[in-house]
Protein backbone atom coordinates (compact mmCIF):
# COMPACT_ATOMS: atom_id res chain seq x y z
CA UNK A 1 12.03 -14.76 1.11
CA UNK A 2 12.18 -11.61 -1.02
CA UNK A 3 14.66 -8.94 0.05
CA UNK A 4 13.08 -5.55 0.71
CA UNK A 5 15.60 -2.84 -0.23
CA UNK A 6 13.42 0.18 -1.09
CA UNK A 7 12.08 2.78 1.31
CA UNK A 8 8.30 3.17 1.06
CA UNK A 9 6.26 5.94 2.72
CA UNK A 10 2.73 5.11 3.84
CA UNK A 11 -0.18 7.35 4.80
CA UNK A 12 -3.00 5.40 6.50
CA UNK A 13 -6.55 6.50 5.67
CA UNK A 14 -7.98 8.61 8.47
CA UNK A 15 -11.35 10.15 7.63
CA UNK A 16 -13.16 12.32 5.13
CA UNK A 17 -12.88 16.02 5.97
CA UNK A 18 -15.65 18.61 5.81
CA UNK A 19 -14.84 19.26 2.12
CA UNK A 20 -15.41 15.60 1.20
CA UNK A 21 -11.68 14.95 0.74
CA UNK A 22 -9.78 12.04 2.27
CA UNK A 23 -7.47 12.84 5.13
CA UNK A 24 -4.53 10.72 6.22
CA UNK A 25 -2.58 9.85 9.35
CA UNK A 26 1.00 11.13 9.57
CA UNK A 27 3.38 9.28 7.25
CA UNK A 28 5.46 6.30 8.30
CA UNK A 29 8.31 4.68 6.39
CA UNK A 30 8.91 0.99 5.92
CA UNK A 31 10.96 -1.33 3.74
CA UNK A 32 9.46 -2.76 0.59
CA UNK A 33 9.86 -3.85 -3.00
CA UNK A 34 7.94 -1.74 -5.54
CA UNK A 35 7.18 -3.31 -8.91
CA UNK A 36 5.47 -1.35 -11.70
CA UNK A 37 3.53 -4.21 -13.26
CA UNK A 38 0.00 -4.49 -14.67
CA UNK A 39 -2.21 -7.04 -12.88
CA UNK A 40 -5.91 -7.64 -12.31
CA UNK A 41 -7.65 -8.69 -9.12
CA UNK A 42 -11.18 -9.16 -7.86
CA UNK A 43 -12.15 -6.59 -5.22
CA UNK A 44 -14.09 -7.36 -2.03
CA UNK A 45 -17.32 -6.34 -3.81
CA UNK A 46 -16.66 -8.78 -6.69
CA UNK A 47 -15.52 -6.25 -9.30
CA UNK A 48 -12.49 -6.86 -11.52
CA UNK A 49 -9.96 -4.08 -10.91
CA UNK A 50 -6.76 -3.16 -12.78
CA UNK A 51 -3.61 -2.53 -10.80
CA UNK A 52 -0.54 -0.79 -12.23
CA UNK A 53 1.87 -1.62 -9.40
CA UNK A 54 2.37 -4.10 -6.61
CA UNK A 55 4.38 -3.52 -3.48
CA UNK A 56 5.70 -6.21 -1.17
CA UNK A 57 5.97 -4.66 2.29
CA UNK A 58 7.44 -5.30 5.73
CA UNK A 59 4.13 -4.61 7.49
CA UNK A 60 0.38 -4.32 6.97
CA UNK A 61 -1.36 -1.40 5.26
CA UNK A 62 -5.03 -0.54 4.71
CA UNK A 63 -7.02 -0.31 1.50
CA UNK A 64 -7.56 3.40 0.85
CA UNK A 65 -4.14 4.34 2.23
CA UNK A 66 -1.44 5.86 0.05
CA UNK A 67 2.03 4.51 -0.79
CA UNK A 68 4.98 6.44 -2.18
CA UNK A 69 8.28 5.04 -3.45
CA UNK A 70 10.86 6.90 -1.38
CA UNK A 71 11.07 8.75 1.92
CA UNK A 72 8.63 11.62 2.44
CA UNK A 73 7.68 13.60 5.52
CA UNK A 74 4.85 15.44 3.73
CA UNK A 75 1.63 15.62 5.74
CA UNK A 76 -0.40 14.85 2.60
CA UNK A 77 0.66 12.30 -0.02
CA UNK A 78 2.77 14.01 -2.72
CA UNK A 79 2.46 13.65 -6.48
CA UNK A 80 3.51 10.13 -7.38
CA UNK A 81 1.85 8.53 -4.35
CA UNK A 82 -0.69 5.84 -5.24
CA UNK A 83 -3.78 4.49 -3.51
CA UNK A 84 -3.82 0.98 -2.06
CA UNK A 85 -6.63 -0.78 -3.94
CA UNK A 86 -6.08 -4.28 -2.52
CA UNK A 87 -4.07 -5.81 0.32
CA UNK A 88 -3.16 -9.43 1.02
CA UNK A 89 -1.44 -10.97 4.04
CA UNK A 90 -0.10 -14.47 3.28
CA UNK A 91 1.55 -16.66 5.94
CA UNK A 92 4.26 -19.24 5.41
CA UNK A 93 3.29 -22.86 6.07
CA UNK A 94 4.00 -22.53 9.82
CA UNK A 95 2.30 -19.15 10.03
CA UNK A 96 5.38 -17.62 11.62
CA UNK A 97 6.30 -15.21 8.80
CA UNK A 98 3.94 -13.22 6.59
CA UNK A 99 4.21 -11.65 3.16
CA UNK A 100 2.33 -8.35 2.84
CA UNK A 101 1.27 -7.40 -0.69
CA UNK A 102 -0.41 -4.15 -1.71
CA UNK A 103 -1.83 -3.64 -5.20
CA UNK A 104 -2.05 -0.06 -6.40
């Protein structure tokens, strides 16, 4: 099992406001491992997408949410926060422990 030493701040997607901008739920912090690495994945609609970071997390997140390396109490994601483009939840063989992976 990978050790999660970093603090990650997450803003869940909420809705689109009257100006057409995304709004987010209040931030929560969790443990994770942030890796700045280039990868490709196939999105739910079958498109090949480039990712410039992957984050292994201690809990689930939603596509469209925002992740930030560090602790932030900002009500909107600050500069440096990145959008979750893909999320995978993978169980161990007994399905008792899960690995949560976000691609940004």
